[in-house]
């Protein structure tokens, strides 16, 4: 079951770096581009995205992008 966000639904508890990572990926950046911009390794970016997917119960980049838009990222 995927997370359904509505304006009345509380925002998921994402850490600031998770939110920043989500914003970059939703903007179409690759893991490597995101890592370079944030000063991280691409493995760290991957770990952030795995945590985001687990917290939000989503599996695709399209869903990540939809959530980012809904959250105003």
C-alpha atoms as a PDB file:
ATOM      1  CA  UNK A   1       0.000   0.000   0.000  1.00  0.00           C
ATOM      2  CA  UNK A   2       1.432   3.333  -1.000  1.00  0.00           C
ATOM      3  CA  UNK A   3       1.321   6.530   0.969  1.00  0.00           C
ATOM      4  CA  UNK A   4      -1.453   8.863  -0.125  1.00  0.00           C
ATOM      5  CA  UNK A   5      -0.700  12.450   0.710  1.00  0.00           C
ATOM      6  CA  UNK A   6      -3.473  14.969   0.870  1.00  0.00           C
ATOM      7  CA  UNK A   7      -3.303  18.570   2.018  1.00  0.00           C
ATOM      8  CA  UNK A   8      -4.769  17.468   5.367  1.00  0.00           C
ATOM      9  CA  UNK A   9      -2.325  14.558   5.798  1.00  0.00           C
ATOM     10  CA  UNK A  10       0.685  15.202   8.014  1.00  0.00           C
ATOM     11  CA  UNK A  11       4.026  15.424   6.250  1.00  0.00           C
ATOM     12  CA  UNK A  12       6.136  12.303   6.682  1.00  0.00           C
ATOM     13  CA  UNK A  13       8.995  12.603   9.139  1.00  0.00           C
ATOM     14  CA  UNK A  14      11.915  13.016   6.771  1.00  0.00           C
ATOM     15  CA  UNK A  15      15.278  14.237   8.013  1.00  0.00           C
ATOM     16  CA  UNK A  16      16.523  17.476   6.440  1.00  0.00           C
ATOM     17  CA  UNK A  17      19.148  15.641   4.335  1.00  0.00           C
ATOM     18  CA  UNK A  18      16.514  13.140   3.184  1.00  0.00           C
ATOM     19  CA  UNK A  19      14.289  16.026   2.101  1.00  0.00           C
ATOM     20  CA  UNK A  20      17.196  17.656   0.254  1.00  0.00           C
ATOM     21  CA  UNK A  21      18.051  14.371  -1.461  1.00  0.00           C
ATOM     22  CA  UNK A  22      14.422  13.874  -2.466  1.00  0.00           C
ATOM     23  CA  UNK A  23      14.308  17.396  -3.897  1.00  0.00           C
ATOM     24  CA  UNK A  24      17.372  16.751  -6.077  1.00  0.00           C
ATOM     25  CA  UNK A  25      16.136  13.383  -7.365  1.00  0.00           C
ATOM     26  CA  UNK A  26      12.676  14.802  -8.081  1.00  0.00           C
ATOM     27  CA  UNK A  27      14.367  17.571 -10.081  1.00  0.00           C
ATOM     28  CA  UNK A  28      15.798  14.894 -12.362  1.00  0.00           C
ATOM     29  CA  UNK A  29      19.339  14.735 -11.033  1.00  0.00           C
ATOM     30  CA  UNK A  30      21.178  11.419 -10.948  1.00  0.00           C
ATOM     31  CA  UNK A  31      22.484   9.837  -7.751  1.00  0.00           C
ATOM     32  CA  UNK A  32      25.997  10.971  -8.702  1.00  0.00           C
ATOM     33  CA  UNK A  33      24.930  14.546  -9.476  1.00  0.00           C
ATOM     34  CA  UNK A  34      23.003  14.684  -6.197  1.00  0.00           C
ATOM     35  CA  UNK A  35      25.975  13.285  -4.282  1.00  0.00           C
ATOM     36  CA  UNK A  36      28.380  15.820  -5.774  1.00  0.00           C
ATOM     37  CA  UNK A  37      26.034  18.724  -5.067  1.00  0.00           C
ATOM     38  CA  UNK A  38      25.506  17.610  -1.459  1.00  0.00           C
ATOM     39  CA  UNK A  39      29.148  16.669  -0.848  1.00  0.00           C
ATOM     40  CA  UNK A  40      28.309  12.993  -0.268  1.00  0.00           C
ATOM     41  CA  UNK A  41      29.102   9.647  -1.832  1.00  0.00           C
ATOM     42  CA  UNK A  42      26.555   8.172  -4.204  1.00  0.00           C
ATOM     43  CA  UNK A  43      26.217   5.304  -1.707  1.00  0.00           C
ATOM     44  CA  UNK A  44      25.024   7.757   0.934  1.00  0.00           C
ATOM     45  CA  UNK A  45      22.487   9.185  -1.509  1.00  0.00           C
ATOM     46  CA  UNK A  46      21.313   5.638  -2.214  1.00  0.00           C
ATOM     47  CA  UNK A  47      20.977   4.995   1.534  1.00  0.00           C
ATOM     48  CA  UNK A  48      18.918   8.190   1.982  1.00  0.00           C
ATOM     49  CA  UNK A  49      16.621   7.183  -0.865  1.00  0.00           C
ATOM     50  CA  UNK A  50      16.179   3.662   0.535  1.00  0.00           C
ATOM     51  CA  UNK A  51      15.172   5.191   3.882  1.00  0.00           C
ATOM     52  CA  UNK A  52      12.758   7.602   2.186  1.00  0.00           C
ATOM     53  CA  UNK A  53      11.179   4.755   0.210  1.00  0.00           C
ATOM     54  CA  UNK A  54      10.811   2.671   3.384  1.00  0.00           C
ATOM     55  CA  UNK A  55       9.302   5.564   5.373  1.00  0.00           C
ATOM     56  CA  UNK A  56       6.846   6.455   2.611  1.00  0.00           C
ATOM     57  CA  UNK A  57       6.201   2.899   1.384  1.00  0.00           C
ATOM     58  CA  UNK A  58       6.966   3.759  -2.237  1.00  0.00           C
ATOM     59  CA  UNK A  59       9.022   1.963  -4.853  1.00  0.00           C
ATOM     60  CA  UNK A  60       9.469   4.080  -7.967  1.00  0.00           C
ATOM     61  CA  UNK A  61      11.173   7.340  -8.834  1.00  0.00           C
ATOM     62  CA  UNK A  62       7.887   8.567 -10.272  1.00  0.00           C
ATOM     63  CA  UNK A  63       6.266   8.094  -6.863  1.00  0.00           C
ATOM     64  CA  UNK A  64       9.218   9.860  -5.215  1.00  0.00           C
ATOM     65  CA  UNK A  65       8.693  12.779  -7.569  1.00  0.00           C
ATOM     66  CA  UNK A  66       4.956  12.879  -6.871  1.00  0.00           C
ATOM     67  CA  UNK A  67       5.602  12.961  -3.119  1.00  0.00           C
ATOM     68  CA  UNK A  68       8.235  15.683  -3.528  1.00  0.00           C
ATOM     69  CA  UNK A  69       5.745  17.829  -5.443  1.00  0.00           C
ATOM     70  CA  UNK A  70       3.054  17.193  -2.850  1.00  0.00           C
ATOM     71  CA  UNK A  71       5.471  18.210  -0.079  1.00  0.00           C
ATOM     72  CA  UNK A  72       6.429  21.349  -1.970  1.00  0.00           C
ATOM     73  CA  UNK A  73      10.037  20.310  -2.485  1.00  0.00           C
END
